[in-house]
Amino acid sequence: MKRSILVLVALFVAAAPAWAAGPTATKAVKGESDGITTLAVTVSSTDEVYAVTISGAAIDDVRAPKGWVGVASGNHVMFMTGENPVKGGNSMAFKILTTEPTAALKVSFRGKEDPIGNPMDI
């Protein structure tokens, strides 16, 4: 009896990271000669992501992937799509043009209707 409970607890602990796994984001910095830096935020997910919100850097311009739109104001941008989500197992890059290449960014994600995963700092 004790052994079966111990095995059950071990299985639960081993599976917990898979249940908690949500979308993730990474940042790559590419410098430009005119003082504007491109920050490429790559989003990967096991769930379908229909919106990505990024804040933290002064935004000069944004570049959205095909089928997405980016709306920016100040240091906040929201990328949205209706038909081309980040699908399970795939990645997609969102680009921000800024004069603050070292800015810490906060990224959050939404599914078709509700937030998914937890906001993350990159």
Protein backbone atom coordinates (compact mmCIF):
# COMPACT_ATOMS: atom_id res chain seq x y z
CA MET A 1 0.00 0.00 0.00
CA LYS A 2 2.75 2.46 0.97
CA ARG A 3 4.70 1.58 -2.16
CA SER A 4 1.71 2.26 -4.45
CA ILE A 5 1.10 5.63 -2.81
CA LEU A 6 4.77 6.49 -3.16
CA VAL A 7 4.70 5.52 -6.86
CA LEU A 8 1.54 7.57 -7.39
CA VAL A 9 3.13 10.63 -5.75
CA ALA A 10 6.31 10.19 -7.84
CA LEU A 11 4.27 10.00 -11.05
CA PHE A 12 2.33 13.12 -10.10
CA VAL A 13 5.53 15.07 -9.38
CA ALA A 14 7.09 13.90 -12.65
CA ALA A 15 4.03 14.92 -14.69
CA ALA A 16 3.52 18.32 -13.02
CA PRO A 17 5.99 20.24 -15.25
CA ALA A 18 4.18 18.99 -18.36
CA TRP A 19 0.86 20.26 -17.01
CA ALA A 20 2.36 23.61 -16.07
CA ALA A 21 4.12 24.06 -19.41
CA GLY A 22 2.66 26.93 -21.34
CA PRO A 23 3.96 29.27 -24.02
CA THR A 24 7.56 30.43 -23.76
CA ALA A 25 9.44 33.37 -25.25
CA THR A 26 13.08 34.13 -26.00
CA LYS A 27 14.72 37.38 -27.07
CA ALA A 28 17.43 37.97 -29.67
CA VAL A 29 19.05 41.39 -30.17
CA LYS A 30 20.29 42.65 -33.54
CA GLY A 31 22.02 46.05 -33.61
CA GLU A 32 21.52 48.55 -36.41
CA SER A 33 23.84 51.31 -37.59
CA ASP A 34 21.33 54.15 -37.17
CA GLY A 35 20.85 53.60 -33.41
CA ILE A 36 17.69 51.53 -33.81
CA THR A 37 17.90 47.96 -32.53
CA THR A 38 15.69 45.06 -33.59
CA LEU A 39 14.49 42.82 -30.77
CA ALA A 40 13.17 39.51 -32.08
CA VAL A 41 10.89 37.79 -29.58
CA THR A 42 10.35 34.15 -30.54
CA VAL A 43 7.25 32.50 -29.06
CA SER A 44 6.93 28.72 -28.80
CA SER A 45 3.92 26.88 -27.44
CA THR A 46 2.15 23.59 -27.04
CA ASP A 47 -1.16 25.51 -27.05
CA GLU A 48 -2.53 27.73 -29.80
CA VAL A 49 -1.53 31.36 -29.12
CA TYR A 50 -3.70 34.05 -30.74
CA ALA A 51 -2.25 37.14 -29.01
CA VAL A 52 1.14 38.11 -27.61
CA THR A 53 1.61 41.22 -25.46
CA ILE A 54 5.12 42.61 -24.98
CA SER A 55 6.03 45.56 -22.79
CA GLY A 56 9.17 47.14 -21.39
CA ALA A 57 11.04 48.86 -24.24
CA ALA A 58 10.32 52.19 -25.96
CA ILE A 59 8.85 51.07 -29.28
CA ASP A 60 9.72 52.88 -32.52
CA ASP A 61 8.07 50.33 -34.83
CA VAL A 62 6.93 46.69 -34.95
CA ARG A 63 7.05 43.88 -37.50
CA ALA A 64 4.32 41.28 -37.26
CA PRO A 65 4.46 37.79 -38.82
CA LYS A 66 2.26 37.11 -41.85
CA GLY A 67 -1.38 36.98 -40.78
CA TRP A 68 -0.76 38.96 -37.58
CA VAL A 69 -1.20 42.65 -36.71
CA GLY A 70 0.79 44.60 -34.11
CA VAL A 71 -0.62 47.62 -32.28
CA ALA A 72 1.93 49.64 -30.29
CA SER A 73 1.76 52.55 -27.88
CA GLY A 74 4.71 53.83 -25.83
CA ASN A 75 6.44 50.78 -24.39
CA HIS A 76 3.63 48.30 -24.99
CA VAL A 77 2.69 46.26 -28.09
CA MET A 78 0.02 43.65 -28.68
CA PHE A 79 0.30 41.25 -31.62
CA MET A 80 -2.97 39.54 -32.61
CA THR A 81 -4.29 37.09 -35.18
CA GLY A 82 -7.58 35.45 -35.98
CA GLU A 83 -6.43 32.76 -38.38
CA ASN A 84 -2.67 32.12 -38.00
CA PRO A 85 -1.94 31.23 -34.34
CA VAL A 86 1.32 29.91 -32.97
CA LYS A 87 0.39 26.23 -33.11
CA GLY A 88 1.47 23.46 -30.77
CA GLY A 89 5.10 22.56 -31.31
CA ASN A 90 5.82 25.57 -33.56
CA SER A 91 7.53 28.93 -33.03
CA MET A 92 6.96 32.41 -34.43
CA ALA A 93 9.09 35.60 -34.25
CA PHE A 94 7.70 39.05 -33.40
CA LYS A 95 10.00 42.03 -34.01
CA ILE A 96 10.25 45.29 -32.11
CA LEU A 97 12.39 48.21 -33.30
CA THR A 98 13.70 50.21 -30.35
CA THR A 99 16.52 52.43 -29.08
CA GLU A 100 16.68 50.36 -25.86
CA PRO A 101 18.46 47.09 -26.76
CA THR A 102 18.99 46.01 -23.13
CA ALA A 103 15.43 46.61 -21.94
CA ALA A 104 13.86 43.83 -19.90
CA LEU A 105 10.64 42.67 -21.56
CA LYS A 106 7.49 41.19 -20.07
CA VAL A 107 5.61 38.83 -22.40
CA SER A 108 2.10 37.46 -21.91
CA PHE A 109 -0.03 35.18 -24.07
CA ARG A 110 -3.70 34.67 -24.95
CA GLY A 111 -5.52 31.78 -26.51
CA LYS A 112 -8.64 32.21 -28.62
CA GLU A 113 -10.54 33.66 -25.64
CA ASP A 114 -8.56 33.51 -22.40
CA PRO A 115 -5.00 34.10 -21.15
CA ILE A 116 -2.77 31.02 -21.29
CA GLY A 117 0.38 30.28 -19.34
CA ASN A 118 1.99 32.83 -17.09
CA PRO A 119 3.53 36.17 -18.09
CA MET A 120 7.29 35.89 -18.30
CA ASP A 121 10.25 38.25 -18.11
CA ILE A 122 12.92 37.96 -20.79
